[in-house]
Amino acid sequence: MVRQNEIRENEVAVDPPAPTDAGLVFIGRIATPWTSRMETPRQGRHDGPLCRIEIFEPWVLALKGVEAFERLEILYWLDQSRRDLVLQSPASNGEVHGTFSLRSPVRPNPIGTSIVKREAVEGSTLLVRGLDCLDGTPLIDLKPDRTLFKPIAPPQRGDFETGDGPVHHCQKA
C-alpha cells in the first residue's frame, strides 16, 4: 500500500487541473474500523466487519424500501486520495499499470464503490458488511445491487435492444 504522497518506482504523476465542484452533495457519512490506508482492506468482504452508513436529512426518507435488497451498491468520495497518478505500481516492483486498469483509490475523480451485504436498517443508519474505505468517508449515493434489481417502471423500447442485427453506433442526434 502506498503512503499518501509516495511515488513508487516507475510511477508517473501529472499536474491535474484544479478540482472543481461537480455539484455532488454528500448524503451521509460512513463509519468503518479503519483510520489509515495502510490498514484498510483492498477489497471489502461480505464477512468483514460491521460498518455503519449514516444518512443525512433530508435524504432519510429515500431509504424506504432498501430493506428489500440483501446487497447494495455504495458510492463514496475517497476524500483522502491523491488524484495525480496516471501510472501506478501496486506491487511496488516497478511494473506499472494505467490508473483506469486498476481499482486503486488513487484516481482523477476518487469515487469508490463497493457491493455490500445489508445487515440492518435502523432509522437513518444502514448496517452493512463489505466496505473498504476509511472511517468518516463521505457518502455519494447508494442503490440496489443491479444484479438483484428489477425495474419498477414499465418497460421501454431500449430495454429489449441487443447486439444482434444491424450495428448501431452511439452518436449525437
C-alpha atoms as a PDB file:
ATOM      1  CA  MET A   1       0.000   0.000   0.000  1.00  0.00           C
ATOM      2  CA  VAL A   2       1.392   3.373  -0.965  1.00  0.00           C
ATOM      3  CA  ARG A   3       1.541   6.184   1.548  1.00  0.00           C
ATOM      4  CA  GLN A   4      -0.277   9.469   0.829  1.00  0.00           C
ATOM      5  CA  ASN A   5       2.312  11.211  -1.397  1.00  0.00           C
ATOM      6  CA  GLU A   6       4.752   8.407  -2.099  1.00  0.00           C
ATOM      7  CA  ILE A   7       5.828   7.714  -5.700  1.00  0.00           C
ATOM      8  CA  ARG A   8       6.968   4.139  -6.291  1.00  0.00           C
ATOM      9  CA  GLU A   9       9.449   3.047  -8.934  1.00  0.00           C
ATOM     10  CA  ASN A  10       8.268   3.896 -12.494  1.00  0.00           C
ATOM     11  CA  GLU A  11       5.046   5.553 -11.341  1.00  0.00           C
ATOM     12  CA  VAL A  12       4.063   8.721 -13.188  1.00  0.00           C
ATOM     13  CA  ALA A  13       2.260  11.694 -11.663  1.00  0.00           C
ATOM     14  CA  VAL A  14       0.826  14.604 -13.611  1.00  0.00           C
ATOM     15  CA  ASP A  15      -0.220  18.123 -12.665  1.00  0.00           C
ATOM     16  CA  PRO A  16      -4.008  17.691 -12.753  1.00  0.00           C
ATOM     17  CA  PRO A  17      -6.338  20.616 -13.283  1.00  0.00           C
ATOM     18  CA  ALA A  18      -7.606  22.179 -10.072  1.00  0.00           C
ATOM     19  CA  PRO A  19     -10.547  20.179  -8.738  1.00  0.00           C
ATOM     20  CA  THR A  20     -13.882  21.850  -9.278  1.00  0.00           C
ATOM     21  CA  ASP A  21     -17.210  21.048  -7.733  1.00  0.00           C
ATOM     22  CA  ALA A  22     -19.184  18.735  -9.965  1.00  0.00           C
ATOM     23  CA  GLY A  23     -22.310  19.540  -7.997  1.00  0.00           C
ATOM     24  CA  LEU A  24     -22.115  16.492  -5.736  1.00  0.00           C
ATOM     25  CA  VAL A  25     -23.920  16.546  -2.418  1.00  0.00           C
ATOM     26  CA  PHE A  26     -22.709  14.204   0.281  1.00  0.00           C
ATOM     27  CA  ILE A  27     -25.802  12.410   1.559  1.00  0.00           C
ATOM     28  CA  GLY A  28     -24.187  10.709   4.519  1.00  0.00           C
ATOM     29  CA  ARG A  29     -21.040   9.544   6.237  1.00  0.00           C
ATOM     30  CA  ILE A  30     -19.521   6.053   6.523  1.00  0.00           C
ATOM     31  CA  ALA A  31     -18.170   4.653   9.795  1.00  0.00           C
ATOM     32  CA  THR A  32     -15.603   1.843   9.462  1.00  0.00           C
ATOM     33  CA  PRO A  33     -12.899   0.484  11.792  1.00  0.00           C
ATOM     34  CA  TRP A  34     -10.082   1.813   9.570  1.00  0.00           C
ATOM     35  CA  THR A  35      -8.322   5.135  10.140  1.00  0.00           C
ATOM     36  CA  SER A  36      -5.293   4.561   7.885  1.00  0.00           C
ATOM     37  CA  ARG A  37      -4.953   3.467   4.256  1.00  0.00           C
ATOM     38  CA  MET A  38      -2.216   1.100   5.407  1.00  0.00           C
ATOM     39  CA  GLU A  39      -4.759  -0.981   7.369  1.00  0.00           C
ATOM     40  CA  THR A  40      -7.812  -0.637   5.108  1.00  0.00           C
ATOM     41  CA  PRO A  41      -8.611  -3.760   3.049  1.00  0.00           C
ATOM     42  CA  ARG A  42      -8.042  -3.531  -0.690  1.00  0.00           C
ATOM     43  CA  GLN A  43     -11.437  -5.118  -1.324  1.00  0.00           C
ATOM     44  CA  GLY A  44     -14.343  -5.365   1.091  1.00  0.00           C
ATOM     45  CA  ARG A  45     -15.550  -8.781   2.215  1.00  0.00           C
ATOM     46  CA  HIS A  46     -19.150  -9.784   2.896  1.00  0.00           C
ATOM     47  CA  ASP A  47     -17.915 -11.493   6.066  1.00  0.00           C
ATOM     48  CA  GLY A  48     -15.928  -8.404   7.047  1.00  0.00           C
ATOM     49  CA  PRO A  49     -16.607  -6.106   9.990  1.00  0.00           C
ATOM     50  CA  LEU A  50     -19.972  -4.472  10.520  1.00  0.00           C
ATOM     51  CA  CYS A  51     -19.885  -0.872   9.255  1.00  0.00           C
ATOM     52  CA  ARG A  52     -22.395   1.955   9.674  1.00  0.00           C
ATOM     53  CA  ILE A  53     -23.673   4.274   6.971  1.00  0.00           C
ATOM     54  CA  GLU A  54     -25.414   7.316   8.435  1.00  0.00           C
ATOM     55  CA  ILE A  55     -27.807   9.062   6.038  1.00  0.00           C
ATOM     56  CA  PHE A  56     -28.247  12.822   6.491  1.00  0.00           C
ATOM     57  CA  GLU A  57     -31.525  14.732   6.385  1.00  0.00           C
ATOM     58  CA  PRO A  58     -33.365  15.354   4.106  1.00  0.00           C
ATOM     59  CA  TRP A  59     -32.336  12.040   2.481  1.00  0.00           C
ATOM     60  CA  VAL A  60     -33.513   9.642   5.236  1.00  0.00           C
ATOM     61  CA  LEU A  61     -36.901   9.049   3.574  1.00  0.00           C
ATOM     62  CA  ALA A  62     -35.037   7.791   0.486  1.00  0.00           C
ATOM     63  CA  LEU A  63     -34.167   4.645   2.487  1.00  0.00           C
ATOM     64  CA  LYS A  64     -37.791   3.454   2.187  1.00  0.00           C
ATOM     65  CA  GLY A  65     -37.750   0.006   0.562  1.00  0.00           C
ATOM     66  CA  VAL A  66     -33.994  -0.568   0.804  1.00  0.00           C
ATOM     67  CA  GLU A  67     -34.587  -3.393   3.301  1.00  0.00           C
ATOM     68  CA  ALA A  68     -35.931  -5.485   0.390  1.00  0.00           C
ATOM     69  CA  PHE A  69     -32.403  -5.850  -1.001  1.00  0.00           C
ATOM     70  CA  GLU A  70     -29.735  -8.039   0.567  1.00  0.00           C
ATOM     71  CA  ARG A  71     -26.936  -6.310  -1.376  1.00  0.00           C
ATOM     72  CA  LEU A  72     -26.449  -2.627  -2.091  1.00  0.00           C
ATOM     73  CA  GLU A  73     -24.001  -0.696  -4.235  1.00  0.00           C
ATOM     74  CA  ILE A  74     -22.385   2.069  -2.179  1.00  0.00           C
ATOM     75  CA  LEU A  75     -20.677   5.031  -3.891  1.00  0.00           C
ATOM     76  CA  TYR A  76     -18.384   7.190  -1.806  1.00  0.00           C
ATOM     77  CA  TRP A  77     -15.868  10.016  -2.143  1.00  0.00           C
ATOM     78  CA  LEU A  78     -12.300   8.955  -1.355  1.00  0.00           C
ATOM     79  CA  ASP A  79     -11.552  12.347   0.159  1.00  0.00           C
ATOM     80  CA  GLN A  80      -8.030  11.462   1.318  1.00  0.00           C
ATOM     81  CA  SER A  81      -6.834  10.042  -2.007  1.00  0.00           C
ATOM     82  CA  ARG A  82      -4.352  11.734  -4.279  1.00  0.00           C
ATOM     83  CA  ARG A  83      -5.589  12.457  -7.785  1.00  0.00           C
ATOM     84  CA  ASP A  84      -2.462  12.832  -9.909  1.00  0.00           C
ATOM     85  CA  LEU A  85      -1.088   9.356 -10.751  1.00  0.00           C
ATOM     86  CA  VAL A  86      -1.673   8.081 -14.290  1.00  0.00           C
ATOM     87  CA  LEU A  87       0.691   5.085 -13.972  1.00  0.00           C
ATOM     88  CA  GLN A  88       0.791   3.130 -10.717  1.00  0.00           C
ATOM     89  CA  SER A  89       2.882   0.253  -9.365  1.00  0.00           C
ATOM     90  CA  PRO A  90       0.546  -1.539  -6.945  1.00  0.00           C
ATOM     91  CA  ALA A  91       3.029  -4.342  -6.254  1.00  0.00           C
ATOM     92  CA  SER A  92       5.834  -1.809  -5.605  1.00  0.00           C
ATOM     93  CA  ASN A  93       8.034  -3.768  -8.036  1.00  0.00           C
ATOM     94  CA  GLY A  94       8.456  -1.141 -10.758  1.00  0.00           C
ATOM     95  CA  GLU A  95       5.852  -2.744 -13.045  1.00  0.00           C
ATOM     96  CA  VAL A  96       3.247  -0.090 -13.785  1.00  0.00           C
ATOM     97  CA  HIS A  97      -0.404  -0.167 -14.804  1.00  0.00           C
ATOM     98  CA  GLY A  98      -2.649   2.642 -16.020  1.00  0.00           C
ATOM     99  CA  THR A  99      -4.899   4.054 -13.340  1.00  0.00           C
ATOM    100  CA  PHE A 100      -8.009   3.118 -15.335  1.00  0.00           C
ATOM    101  CA  SER A 101      -6.955  -0.560 -15.319  1.00  0.00           C
ATOM    102  CA  LEU A 102      -6.863  -0.648 -11.506  1.00  0.00           C
ATOM    103  CA  ARG A 103      -9.336  -0.397  -8.634  1.00  0.00           C
ATOM    104  CA  SER A 104      -6.882   1.821  -6.769  1.00  0.00           C
ATOM    105  CA  PRO A 105      -8.297   4.687  -4.683  1.00  0.00           C
ATOM    106  CA  VAL A 106      -5.833   6.983  -6.480  1.00  0.00           C
ATOM    107  CA  ARG A 107      -7.931   8.362  -9.351  1.00  0.00           C
ATOM    108  CA  PRO A 108      -8.623  11.675 -11.114  1.00  0.00           C
ATOM    109  CA  ASN A 109     -12.111  11.622  -9.560  1.00  0.00           C
ATOM    110  CA  PRO A 110     -11.736   9.491  -6.431  1.00  0.00           C
ATOM    111  CA  ILE A 111     -15.097   7.736  -6.414  1.00  0.00           C
ATOM    112  CA  GLY A 112     -15.134   4.433  -4.565  1.00  0.00           C
ATOM    113  CA  THR A 113     -17.751   1.746  -4.994  1.00  0.00           C
ATOM    114  CA  SER A 114     -18.498  -1.413  -3.045  1.00  0.00           C
ATOM    115  CA  ILE A 115     -21.186  -4.052  -3.231  1.00  0.00           C
ATOM    116  CA  VAL A 116     -22.121  -4.592   0.411  1.00  0.00           C
ATOM    117  CA  LYS A 117     -24.274  -7.044   2.307  1.00  0.00           C
ATOM    118  CA  ARG A 118     -27.093  -5.215   4.090  1.00  0.00           C
ATOM    119  CA  GLU A 119     -27.424  -6.438   7.652  1.00  0.00           C
ATOM    120  CA  ALA A 120     -29.992  -3.983   9.045  1.00  0.00           C
ATOM    121  CA  VAL A 121     -31.696  -0.637   8.650  1.00  0.00           C
ATOM    122  CA  GLU A 122     -32.045   1.298  11.905  1.00  0.00           C
ATOM    123  CA  GLY A 123     -33.757   4.623  11.276  1.00  0.00           C
ATOM    124  CA  SER A 124     -31.254   6.766   9.348  1.00  0.00           C
ATOM    125  CA  THR A 125     -28.481   4.181   9.642  1.00  0.00           C
ATOM    126  CA  LEU A 126     -27.595   1.213   7.458  1.00  0.00           C
ATOM    127  CA  LEU A 127     -25.519  -1.597   8.944  1.00  0.00           C
ATOM    128  CA  VAL A 128     -23.501  -3.338   6.229  1.00  0.00           C
ATOM    129  CA  ARG A 129     -20.537  -5.623   5.607  1.00  0.00           C
ATOM    130  CA  GLY A 130     -18.168  -5.385   2.648  1.00  0.00           C
ATOM    131  CA  LEU A 131     -16.778  -1.847   2.728  1.00  0.00           C
ATOM    132  CA  ASP A 132     -13.150  -0.937   2.017  1.00  0.00           C
ATOM    133  CA  CYS A 133     -12.929   2.748   2.938  1.00  0.00           C
ATOM    134  CA  LEU A 134     -11.648   4.906   5.762  1.00  0.00           C
ATOM    135  CA  ASP A 135     -13.708   5.896   8.769  1.00  0.00           C
ATOM    136  CA  GLY A 136     -15.529   9.157   8.058  1.00  0.00           C
ATOM    137  CA  THR A 137     -15.653   8.712   4.269  1.00  0.00           C
ATOM    138  CA  PRO A 138     -18.366  10.901   2.659  1.00  0.00           C
ATOM    139  CA  LEU A 139     -21.273   9.023   1.058  1.00  0.00           C
ATOM    140  CA  ILE A 140     -22.246   9.997  -2.504  1.00  0.00           C
ATOM    141  CA  ASP A 141     -25.093   7.565  -3.208  1.00  0.00           C
ATOM    142  CA  LEU A 142     -26.425   4.069  -2.671  1.00  0.00           C
ATOM    143  CA  LYS A 143     -28.645   1.862  -4.778  1.00  0.00           C
ATOM    144  CA  PRO A 144     -29.713  -1.770  -5.020  1.00  0.00           C
ATOM    145  CA  ASP A 145     -27.138  -4.140  -6.498  1.00  0.00           C
ATOM    146  CA  ARG A 146     -28.006  -4.125 -10.214  1.00  0.00           C
ATOM    147  CA  THR A 147     -27.986  -7.939 -10.354  1.00  0.00           C
ATOM    148  CA  LEU A 148     -30.879  -8.033  -7.846  1.00  0.00           C
ATOM    149  CA  PHE A 149     -32.895  -5.084  -9.150  1.00  0.00           C
ATOM    150  CA  LYS A 150     -35.874  -5.433 -11.460  1.00  0.00           C
ATOM    151  CA  PRO A 151     -37.180  -2.101 -12.790  1.00  0.00           C
ATOM    152  CA  ILE A 152     -40.485  -0.996 -11.303  1.00  0.00           C
ATOM    153  CA  ALA A 153     -41.344   1.377 -14.175  1.00  0.00           C
ATOM    154  CA  PRO A 154     -42.995  -0.005 -17.335  1.00  0.00           C
ATOM    155  CA  PRO A 155     -40.527  -1.285 -19.973  1.00  0.00           C
ATOM    156  CA  GLN A 156     -39.391   0.962 -22.794  1.00  0.00           C
ATOM    157  CA  ARG A 157     -38.030   0.168 -26.255  1.00  0.00           C
ATOM    158  CA  GLY A 158     -34.346   0.259 -25.335  1.00  0.00           C
ATOM    159  CA  ASP A 159     -34.873  -2.388 -22.641  1.00  0.00           C
ATOM    160  CA  PHE A 160     -35.161  -5.046 -25.355  1.00  0.00           C
ATOM    161  CA  GLU A 161     -32.326  -3.991 -27.684  1.00  0.00           C
ATOM    162  CA  THR A 162     -29.468  -6.453 -28.044  1.00  0.00           C
ATOM    163  CA  GLY A 163     -26.266  -6.574 -30.061  1.00  0.00           C
ATOM    164  CA  ASP A 164     -27.950  -8.734 -32.715  1.00  0.00           C
ATOM    165  CA  GLY A 165     -28.936  -7.193 -36.030  1.00  0.00           C
ATOM    166  CA  PRO A 166     -27.505  -4.101 -37.726  1.00  0.00           C
ATOM    167  CA  VAL A 167     -24.695  -2.284 -35.958  1.00  0.00           C
ATOM    168  CA  HIS A 168     -25.779   0.979 -34.361  1.00  0.00           C
ATOM    169  CA  HIS A 169     -23.164   3.385 -33.068  1.00  0.00           C
ATOM    170  CA  CYS A 170     -23.943   5.939 -30.426  1.00  0.00           C
ATOM    171  CA  GLN A 171     -23.870   9.361 -31.974  1.00  0.00           C
ATOM    172  CA  LYS A 172     -25.340  12.807 -31.462  1.00  0.00           C
ATOM    173  CA  ALA A 173     -28.838  13.351 -32.782  1.00  0.00           C
END
